[in-house]
Amino acid sequence: MTTALLLVSLAERLSQANVIIGIVLCAIGIAIAILARRIACAARKTSNVPNDDTIMVTTKVIGLIFIVVALVVMIIQ
C-alpha cells in the first residue's frame, strides 16, 4: 500500500474524486468548528455564550466529525 502511494504523483492524487470530496468536507468541518461560537450566539440570540454551552459544543463536535470523515474519505482509494 505504501509503495502505491509513492508511485502516484501529487497531481494525480489531488485530481481523484475522493480526495476532492475529502478536501471539501474538511473545509466545511473547519469552518463549522471555527464558527461554532457565532452559530451558538445566533441560536441563543445573545451576544455572549459561555464556553460550555451545549449548542457550541455540539457544533464543534459536528465540525470535528466532518474532519474525521474527510480524512477517511481521502485515505480510501
C-alpha atoms as a PDB file:
ATOM      1  CA  MET A   1       0.000   0.000   0.000  1.00  0.00           C
ATOM      2  CA  THR A   2       2.790   2.438   0.823  1.00  0.00           C
ATOM      3  CA  THR A   3       4.520   1.769  -2.483  1.00  0.00           C
ATOM      4  CA  ALA A   4       1.279   2.523  -4.350  1.00  0.00           C
ATOM      5  CA  LEU A   5       1.058   5.901  -2.644  1.00  0.00           C
ATOM      6  CA  LEU A   6       4.669   6.693  -3.542  1.00  0.00           C
ATOM      7  CA  LEU A   7       4.156   5.873  -7.216  1.00  0.00           C
ATOM      8  CA  VAL A   8       1.158   8.169  -7.639  1.00  0.00           C
ATOM      9  CA  SER A   9       2.143  11.762  -8.332  1.00  0.00           C
ATOM     10  CA  LEU A  10       0.688  14.613  -6.347  1.00  0.00           C
ATOM     11  CA  ALA A  11      -1.304  15.973  -9.277  1.00  0.00           C
ATOM     12  CA  GLU A  12      -2.881  12.561  -9.955  1.00  0.00           C
ATOM     13  CA  ARG A  13      -3.717  12.130  -6.289  1.00  0.00           C
ATOM     14  CA  LEU A  14      -5.315  15.570  -5.968  1.00  0.00           C
ATOM     15  CA  SER A  15      -7.414  15.020  -9.080  1.00  0.00           C
ATOM     16  CA  GLN A  16      -9.097  11.905  -7.694  1.00  0.00           C
ATOM     17  CA  ALA A  17     -12.752  12.345  -6.794  1.00  0.00           C
ATOM     18  CA  ASN A  18     -12.468  11.009  -3.257  1.00  0.00           C
ATOM     19  CA  VAL A  19      -9.628  13.416  -2.456  1.00  0.00           C
ATOM     20  CA  ILE A  20     -11.595  16.403  -3.780  1.00  0.00           C
ATOM     21  CA  ILE A  21     -14.633  15.342  -1.741  1.00  0.00           C
ATOM     22  CA  GLY A  22     -12.406  14.924   1.313  1.00  0.00           C
ATOM     23  CA  ILE A  23     -10.904  18.398   0.911  1.00  0.00           C
ATOM     24  CA  VAL A  24     -14.371  19.947   0.599  1.00  0.00           C
ATOM     25  CA  LEU A  25     -15.634  18.063   3.684  1.00  0.00           C
ATOM     26  CA  CYS A  26     -12.556  19.110   5.628  1.00  0.00           C
ATOM     27  CA  ALA A  27     -13.060  22.758   4.694  1.00  0.00           C
ATOM     28  CA  ILE A  28     -16.700  22.579   5.788  1.00  0.00           C
ATOM     29  CA  GLY A  29     -15.715  20.920   9.067  1.00  0.00           C
ATOM     30  CA  ILE A  30     -13.058  23.522   9.837  1.00  0.00           C
ATOM     31  CA  ALA A  31     -15.481  26.346   9.046  1.00  0.00           C
ATOM     32  CA  ILE A  32     -18.163  24.839  11.303  1.00  0.00           C
ATOM     33  CA  ALA A  33     -15.681  24.332  14.155  1.00  0.00           C
ATOM     34  CA  ILE A  34     -14.332  27.879  13.870  1.00  0.00           C
ATOM     35  CA  LEU A  35     -17.774  29.490  13.595  1.00  0.00           C
ATOM     36  CA  ALA A  36     -19.292  27.446  16.448  1.00  0.00           C
ATOM     37  CA  ARG A  37     -19.427  30.423  18.827  1.00  0.00           C
ATOM     38  CA  ARG A  38     -21.187  32.630  16.261  1.00  0.00           C
ATOM     39  CA  ILE A  39     -23.645  29.850  15.465  1.00  0.00           C
ATOM     40  CA  ALA A  40     -24.400  29.438  19.174  1.00  0.00           C
ATOM     41  CA  CYS A  41     -24.810  33.208  19.594  1.00  0.00           C
ATOM     42  CA  ALA A  42     -27.261  33.303  16.702  1.00  0.00           C
ATOM     43  CA  ALA A  43     -29.200  30.335  18.061  1.00  0.00           C
ATOM     44  CA  ARG A  44     -29.358  31.746  21.598  1.00  0.00           C
ATOM     45  CA  LYS A  45     -29.978  35.316  20.358  1.00  0.00           C
ATOM     46  CA  THR A  46     -27.389  36.689  22.782  1.00  0.00           C
ATOM     47  CA  SER A  47     -24.006  38.307  22.296  1.00  0.00           C
ATOM     48  CA  ASN A  48     -22.226  36.291  24.971  1.00  0.00           C
ATOM     49  CA  VAL A  49     -22.208  32.497  25.119  1.00  0.00           C
ATOM     50  CA  PRO A  50     -20.291  30.541  27.785  1.00  0.00           C
ATOM     51  CA  ASN A  51     -17.654  28.026  26.731  1.00  0.00           C
ATOM     52  CA  ASP A  52     -19.689  25.057  27.988  1.00  0.00           C
ATOM     53  CA  ASP A  53     -22.842  25.918  26.040  1.00  0.00           C
ATOM     54  CA  THR A  54     -24.420  22.768  24.613  1.00  0.00           C
ATOM     55  CA  ILE A  55     -25.092  24.265  21.188  1.00  0.00           C
ATOM     56  CA  MET A  56     -21.482  25.408  20.823  1.00  0.00           C
ATOM     57  CA  VAL A  57     -20.051  22.084  21.982  1.00  0.00           C
ATOM     58  CA  THR A  58     -22.405  20.150  19.691  1.00  0.00           C
ATOM     59  CA  THR A  59     -21.484  22.359  16.741  1.00  0.00           C
ATOM     60  CA  LYS A  60     -17.762  21.844  17.369  1.00  0.00           C
ATOM     61  CA  VAL A  61     -18.284  18.077  17.604  1.00  0.00           C
ATOM     62  CA  ILE A  62     -20.163  18.111  14.286  1.00  0.00           C
ATOM     63  CA  GLY A  63     -17.289  20.048  12.712  1.00  0.00           C
ATOM     64  CA  LEU A  64     -14.756  17.546  14.038  1.00  0.00           C
ATOM     65  CA  ILE A  65     -16.852  14.655  12.721  1.00  0.00           C
ATOM     66  CA  PHE A  66     -16.758  16.289   9.282  1.00  0.00           C
ATOM     67  CA  ILE A  67     -12.964  16.481   9.517  1.00  0.00           C
ATOM     68  CA  VAL A  68     -12.610  12.812  10.526  1.00  0.00           C
ATOM     69  CA  VAL A  69     -14.947  11.694   7.738  1.00  0.00           C
ATOM     70  CA  ALA A  70     -12.926  13.789   5.296  1.00  0.00           C
ATOM     71  CA  LEU A  71      -9.714  12.082   6.370  1.00  0.00           C
ATOM     72  CA  VAL A  72     -11.279   8.648   5.969  1.00  0.00           C
ATOM     73  CA  VAL A  73     -12.657   9.538   2.539  1.00  0.00           C
ATOM     74  CA  MET A  74      -9.265  10.819   1.394  1.00  0.00           C
ATOM     75  CA  ILE A  75      -7.470   7.658   2.528  1.00  0.00           C
ATOM     76  CA  ILE A  76      -9.820   5.320   0.665  1.00  0.00           C
ATOM     77  CA  GLN A  77      -8.640   4.743  -2.889  1.00  0.00           C
END
